[in-house]
Amino acid sequence: MSFENIIGNEQVKNTLNKIVEQNKLSHSYMFIGPEGVGKTLFAKEFAKMILCESSSIKPCGECKSCIEHTNNNNPDLIEIEPIQGTIKIEQIREMRGQSFRKTNNI
C-alpha cells in the first residue's frame, strides 16, 4: 500500500490502491483541485506504484524503477511544469516527441 506520507484523502488513496491492486489502469488520470491539496504528490506516488516492478507490495522501494523514481531520474516518468501558470503547447509537443524516442538499448 502506498500513500503513507500523505495525510487525509482516504477515499482517493483507497481508490488508487484498488486500481493498482486489480490492475485496472486507464490510459490517463487527471489530478485536479485547488493549489496545495497534494495533487502533484498523489500523482507522483501513483506513478511510482504503477511503474514498480515488484509482484507484491507496490511500491517496493527497492526495484530499479522505484530507486530511479526516488532519485528523480526514472525515464518512464515525464513531469511537465507550468510556465507562468500554464502548460504551453510547445511543452506538450516536446513531451510527445520524447515519448516516441527509442532508448539506446533497443
N, C-alpha and C. Protein backbone atom coordinates (compact mmCIF):
# COMPACT_ATOMS: atom_id res chain seq x y z
N MET A 1 0.85 -1.19 0.00
CA MET A 1 0.00 0.00 0.00
C MET A 1 0.88 1.23 0.00
N SER A 2 0.49 2.20 -0.77
CA SER A 2 1.26 3.43 -0.87
C SER A 2 0.53 4.57 -0.19
N PHE A 3 1.05 5.74 -0.37
CA PHE A 3 0.45 6.98 0.14
C PHE A 3 0.59 7.13 1.65
N GLU A 4 1.55 6.42 2.28
CA GLU A 4 1.73 6.56 3.72
C GLU A 4 2.13 7.97 4.11
N ASN A 5 2.83 8.67 3.22
CA ASN A 5 3.31 10.02 3.51
C ASN A 5 2.28 11.10 3.26
N ILE A 6 1.10 10.71 2.83
CA ILE A 6 0.05 11.68 2.52
C ILE A 6 -1.03 11.59 3.60
N ILE A 7 -1.31 12.72 4.22
CA ILE A 7 -2.32 12.78 5.28
C ILE A 7 -3.67 13.11 4.66
N GLY A 8 -4.71 12.38 5.10
CA GLY A 8 -6.06 12.64 4.62
C GLY A 8 -6.34 12.02 3.27
N ASN A 9 -7.43 12.43 2.67
CA ASN A 9 -7.86 11.95 1.34
C ASN A 9 -7.92 10.43 1.28
N GLU A 10 -8.47 9.81 2.31
CA GLU A 10 -8.51 8.35 2.39
C GLU A 10 -9.27 7.72 1.23
N GLN A 11 -10.34 8.35 0.79
CA GLN A 11 -11.13 7.79 -0.32
C GLN A 11 -10.30 7.76 -1.60
N VAL A 12 -9.55 8.81 -1.85
CA VAL A 12 -8.69 8.86 -3.04
C VAL A 12 -7.60 7.80 -2.93
N LYS A 13 -6.98 7.68 -1.78
CA LYS A 13 -5.95 6.67 -1.57
C LYS A 13 -6.49 5.27 -1.82
N ASN A 14 -7.65 4.97 -1.25
CA ASN A 14 -8.25 3.65 -1.42
C ASN A 14 -8.57 3.36 -2.88
N THR A 15 -9.11 4.35 -3.57
CA THR A 15 -9.46 4.17 -4.98
C THR A 15 -8.22 3.88 -5.81
N LEU A 16 -7.17 4.67 -5.63
CA LEU A 16 -5.95 4.48 -6.41
C LEU A 16 -5.26 3.16 -6.06
N ASN A 17 -5.28 2.79 -4.80
CA ASN A 17 -4.71 1.49 -4.41
C ASN A 17 -5.46 0.33 -5.06
N LYS A 18 -6.79 0.41 -5.10
CA LYS A 18 -7.59 -0.65 -5.73
C LYS A 18 -7.29 -0.76 -7.22
N ILE A 19 -7.11 0.39 -7.86
CA ILE A 19 -6.80 0.39 -9.29
C ILE A 19 -5.52 -0.38 -9.56
N VAL A 20 -4.50 -0.15 -8.75
CA VAL A 20 -3.22 -0.84 -8.92
C VAL A 20 -3.33 -2.31 -8.54
N GLU A 21 -3.98 -2.60 -7.42
CA GLU A 21 -4.13 -3.98 -6.96
C GLU A 21 -4.87 -4.83 -7.98
N GLN A 22 -5.91 -4.28 -8.59
CA GLN A 22 -6.72 -5.03 -9.54
C GLN A 22 -6.19 -4.91 -10.98
N ASN A 23 -5.11 -4.17 -11.15
CA ASN A 23 -4.51 -3.96 -12.47
C ASN A 23 -5.54 -3.46 -13.48
N LYS A 24 -6.31 -2.47 -13.08
CA LYS A 24 -7.34 -1.90 -13.95
C LYS A 24 -7.01 -0.44 -14.25
N LEU A 25 -5.87 -0.24 -14.88
CA LEU A 25 -5.40 1.11 -15.18
C LEU A 25 -6.09 1.68 -16.41
N SER A 26 -6.39 2.95 -16.37
CA SER A 26 -6.88 3.67 -17.54
C SER A 26 -5.69 4.28 -18.26
N HIS A 27 -5.94 4.83 -19.43
CA HIS A 27 -4.84 5.40 -20.20
C HIS A 27 -4.38 6.74 -19.67
N SER A 28 -5.19 7.39 -18.83
CA SER A 28 -4.76 8.67 -18.26
C SER A 28 -5.57 8.98 -17.01
N TYR A 29 -5.00 9.85 -16.19
CA TYR A 29 -5.65 10.31 -14.96
C TYR A 29 -5.41 11.80 -14.82
N MET A 30 -6.41 12.50 -14.29
CA MET A 30 -6.27 13.92 -14.03
C MET A 30 -6.39 14.14 -12.53
N PHE A 31 -5.44 14.85 -11.99
CA PHE A 31 -5.45 15.20 -10.58
C PHE A 31 -5.76 16.70 -10.52
N ILE A 32 -6.99 17.02 -10.14
CA ILE A 32 -7.42 18.41 -10.17
C ILE A 32 -7.87 18.86 -8.79
N GLY A 33 -7.82 20.15 -8.57
CA GLY A 33 -8.23 20.72 -7.30
C GLY A 33 -7.47 22.00 -7.02
N PRO A 34 -7.81 22.64 -5.92
CA PRO A 34 -7.14 23.90 -5.58
C PRO A 34 -5.65 23.68 -5.27
N GLU A 35 -4.91 24.74 -5.35
CA GLU A 35 -3.48 24.69 -5.05
C GLU A 35 -3.25 24.25 -3.61
N GLY A 36 -2.27 23.38 -3.43
CA GLY A 36 -1.87 22.98 -2.10
C GLY A 36 -2.58 21.77 -1.50
N VAL A 37 -3.39 21.07 -2.28
CA VAL A 37 -4.11 19.91 -1.73
C VAL A 37 -3.37 18.59 -1.95
N GLY A 38 -2.24 18.62 -2.66
CA GLY A 38 -1.44 17.42 -2.83
C GLY A 38 -1.58 16.71 -4.16
N LYS A 39 -2.01 17.41 -5.18
CA LYS A 39 -2.20 16.78 -6.49
C LYS A 39 -0.90 16.20 -7.04
N THR A 40 0.16 16.99 -6.99
CA THR A 40 1.44 16.53 -7.52
C THR A 40 1.97 15.36 -6.71
N LEU A 41 1.87 15.44 -5.40
CA LEU A 41 2.33 14.35 -4.54
C LEU A 41 1.56 13.06 -4.82
N PHE A 42 0.24 13.16 -4.96
CA PHE A 42 -0.57 11.99 -5.30
C PHE A 42 -0.16 11.42 -6.66
N ALA A 43 -0.01 12.29 -7.64
CA ALA A 43 0.34 11.83 -9.00
C ALA A 43 1.68 11.12 -9.01
N LYS A 44 2.67 11.67 -8.30
CA LYS A 44 3.99 11.05 -8.26
C LYS A 44 3.96 9.70 -7.55
N GLU A 45 3.25 9.61 -6.44
CA GLU A 45 3.16 8.34 -5.72
C GLU A 45 2.40 7.29 -6.53
N PHE A 46 1.36 7.73 -7.22
CA PHE A 46 0.59 6.83 -8.07
C PHE A 46 1.46 6.30 -9.21
N ALA A 47 2.24 7.19 -9.82
CA ALA A 47 3.15 6.78 -10.89
C ALA A 47 4.18 5.79 -10.37
N LYS A 48 4.68 6.03 -9.16
CA LYS A 48 5.66 5.12 -8.57
C LYS A 48 5.06 3.73 -8.39
N MET A 49 3.80 3.68 -7.95
CA MET A 49 3.12 2.39 -7.79
C MET A 49 2.96 1.68 -9.13
N ILE A 50 2.55 2.41 -10.13
CA ILE A 50 2.31 1.83 -11.45
C ILE A 50 3.60 1.29 -12.06
N LEU A 51 4.68 2.03 -11.90
CA LEU A 51 5.95 1.66 -12.53
C LEU A 51 6.75 0.64 -11.73
N CYS A 52 6.38 0.38 -10.50
CA CYS A 52 7.10 -0.56 -9.64
C CYS A 52 7.13 -1.95 -10.28
N GLU A 53 8.29 -2.58 -10.21
CA GLU A 53 8.48 -3.89 -10.82
C GLU A 53 8.16 -5.06 -9.89
N SER A 54 7.82 -4.78 -8.64
CA SER A 54 7.53 -5.82 -7.67
C SER A 54 6.22 -6.52 -8.00
N SER A 55 6.16 -7.79 -7.70
CA SER A 55 4.91 -8.52 -7.96
C SER A 55 4.01 -8.54 -6.73
N SER A 56 4.48 -8.00 -5.62
CA SER A 56 3.65 -8.00 -4.41
C SER A 56 3.40 -6.57 -3.94
N ILE A 57 4.19 -6.08 -3.00
CA ILE A 57 3.96 -4.75 -2.42
C ILE A 57 4.39 -3.68 -3.41
N LYS A 58 3.50 -2.72 -3.64
CA LYS A 58 3.80 -1.62 -4.55
C LYS A 58 3.57 -0.30 -3.85
N PRO A 59 4.47 0.62 -3.87
CA PRO A 59 5.82 0.49 -4.40
C PRO A 59 6.73 -0.20 -3.41
N CYS A 60 7.65 -1.00 -3.93
CA CYS A 60 8.54 -1.76 -3.06
C CYS A 60 9.68 -0.90 -2.52
N GLY A 61 10.05 0.12 -3.28
CA GLY A 61 11.15 0.99 -2.87
C GLY A 61 12.52 0.41 -3.12
N GLU A 62 12.57 -0.80 -3.68
CA GLU A 62 13.85 -1.49 -3.86
C GLU A 62 14.17 -1.84 -5.32
N CYS A 63 13.17 -1.91 -6.17
CA CYS A 63 13.43 -2.29 -7.56
C CYS A 63 14.08 -1.10 -8.30
N LYS A 64 14.57 -1.38 -9.50
CA LYS A 64 15.24 -0.36 -10.31
C LYS A 64 14.33 0.84 -10.54
N SER A 65 13.09 0.58 -10.87
CA SER A 65 12.14 1.66 -11.15
C SER A 65 11.89 2.54 -9.92
N CYS A 66 11.69 1.92 -8.77
CA CYS A 66 11.46 2.68 -7.53
C CYS A 66 12.66 3.53 -7.16
N ILE A 67 13.86 2.95 -7.31
CA ILE A 67 15.08 3.70 -6.99
C ILE A 67 15.23 4.87 -7.95
N GLU A 68 14.99 4.65 -9.23
CA GLU A 68 15.06 5.75 -10.20
C GLU A 68 14.03 6.82 -9.87
N HIS A 69 12.84 6.41 -9.49
CA HIS A 69 11.78 7.36 -9.13
C HIS A 69 12.19 8.19 -7.92
N THR A 70 12.73 7.53 -6.90
CA THR A 70 13.18 8.22 -5.70
C THR A 70 14.28 9.24 -6.01
N ASN A 71 15.14 8.90 -6.98
CA ASN A 71 16.23 9.78 -7.38
C ASN A 71 15.83 10.77 -8.48
N ASN A 72 14.55 10.80 -8.81
CA ASN A 72 14.01 11.71 -9.85
C ASN A 72 14.69 11.52 -11.20
N ASN A 73 14.99 10.28 -11.58
CA ASN A 73 15.57 10.04 -12.90
C ASN A 73 14.99 8.80 -13.57
N ASN A 74 13.70 8.54 -13.33
CA ASN A 74 13.04 7.42 -13.99
C ASN A 74 12.67 7.85 -15.40
N PRO A 75 13.21 7.18 -16.42
CA PRO A 75 12.95 7.60 -17.81
C PRO A 75 11.50 7.38 -18.25
N ASP A 76 10.75 6.61 -17.48
CA ASP A 76 9.35 6.36 -17.83
C ASP A 76 8.39 7.37 -17.23
N LEU A 77 8.91 8.35 -16.52
CA LEU A 77 8.08 9.37 -15.90
C LEU A 77 8.51 10.74 -16.39
N ILE A 78 7.60 11.42 -17.05
CA ILE A 78 7.86 12.77 -17.56
C ILE A 78 6.94 13.73 -16.82
N GLU A 79 7.53 14.72 -16.19
CA GLU A 79 6.75 15.73 -15.46
C GLU A 79 6.85 17.05 -16.21
N ILE A 80 5.71 17.65 -16.45
CA ILE A 80 5.66 18.94 -17.15
C ILE A 80 5.30 20.01 -16.14
N GLU A 81 6.18 21.00 -16.00
CA GLU A 81 5.95 22.11 -15.08
C GLU A 81 5.34 23.28 -15.85
N PRO A 82 4.30 23.89 -15.31
CA PRO A 82 3.72 25.06 -15.98
C PRO A 82 4.71 26.21 -16.09
N ILE A 83 4.63 26.94 -17.18
CA ILE A 83 5.41 28.15 -17.37
C ILE A 83 4.46 29.32 -17.21
N GLN A 84 4.73 30.16 -16.25
CA GLN A 84 3.87 31.30 -15.93
C GLN A 84 2.42 30.87 -15.72
N GLY A 85 2.25 29.76 -15.01
CA GLY A 85 0.92 29.32 -14.63
C GLY A 85 0.18 28.46 -15.63
N THR A 86 0.75 28.23 -16.80
CA THR A 86 0.07 27.38 -17.79
C THR A 86 1.07 26.45 -18.47
N ILE A 87 0.54 25.35 -18.96
CA ILE A 87 1.35 24.42 -19.74
C ILE A 87 1.19 24.81 -21.20
N LYS A 88 2.31 25.06 -21.86
CA LYS A 88 2.32 25.55 -23.24
C LYS A 88 2.25 24.39 -24.23
N ILE A 89 1.70 24.66 -25.40
CA ILE A 89 1.59 23.66 -26.47
C ILE A 89 2.97 23.12 -26.82
N GLU A 90 3.98 23.98 -26.82
CA GLU A 90 5.33 23.54 -27.15
C GLU A 90 5.82 22.48 -26.15
N GLN A 91 5.44 22.62 -24.88
CA GLN A 91 5.83 21.64 -23.88
C GLN A 91 5.20 20.27 -24.18
N ILE A 92 3.95 20.28 -24.59
CA ILE A 92 3.26 19.02 -24.92
C ILE A 92 3.89 18.40 -26.16
N ARG A 93 4.20 19.20 -27.15
CA ARG A 93 4.85 18.67 -28.35
C ARG A 93 6.20 18.06 -28.03
N GLU A 94 6.97 18.72 -27.18
CA GLU A 94 8.27 18.19 -26.78
C GLU A 94 8.10 16.88 -26.02
N MET A 95 7.13 16.82 -25.12
CA MET A 95 6.88 15.60 -24.35
C MET A 95 6.46 14.45 -25.28
N ARG A 96 5.61 14.75 -26.24
CA ARG A 96 5.18 13.71 -27.19
C ARG A 96 6.36 13.19 -27.99
N GLY A 97 7.24 14.10 -28.41
CA GLY A 97 8.43 13.69 -29.14
C GLY A 97 9.34 12.81 -28.31
N GLN A 98 9.49 13.14 -27.04
CA GLN A 98 10.33 12.34 -26.15
C GLN A 98 9.72 10.96 -25.91
N SER A 99 8.42 10.88 -25.85
CA SER A 99 7.77 9.61 -25.52
C SER A 99 7.86 8.60 -26.66
N PHE A 100 8.11 9.07 -27.87
CA PHE A 100 8.23 8.15 -29.02
C PHE A 100 9.67 7.84 -29.37
N ARG A 101 10.60 8.45 -28.67
CA ARG A 101 12.02 8.24 -28.94
C ARG A 101 12.46 6.88 -28.41
N LYS A 102 13.22 6.14 -29.19
CA LYS A 102 13.72 4.84 -28.77
C LYS A 102 14.90 5.06 -27.82
N THR A 103 15.05 4.13 -26.88
CA THR A 103 16.20 4.18 -25.99
C THR A 103 17.41 3.59 -26.69
N ASN A 104 18.57 3.76 -26.10
CA ASN A 104 19.80 3.20 -26.67
C ASN A 104 19.84 1.68 -26.58
N ASN A 105 19.02 1.10 -25.71
CA ASN A 105 19.03 -0.35 -25.51
C ASN A 105 18.32 -1.12 -26.61
N ILE A 106 17.52 -0.44 -27.41
CA ILE A 106 16.70 -1.13 -28.41
C ILE A 106 17.35 -1.10 -29.77
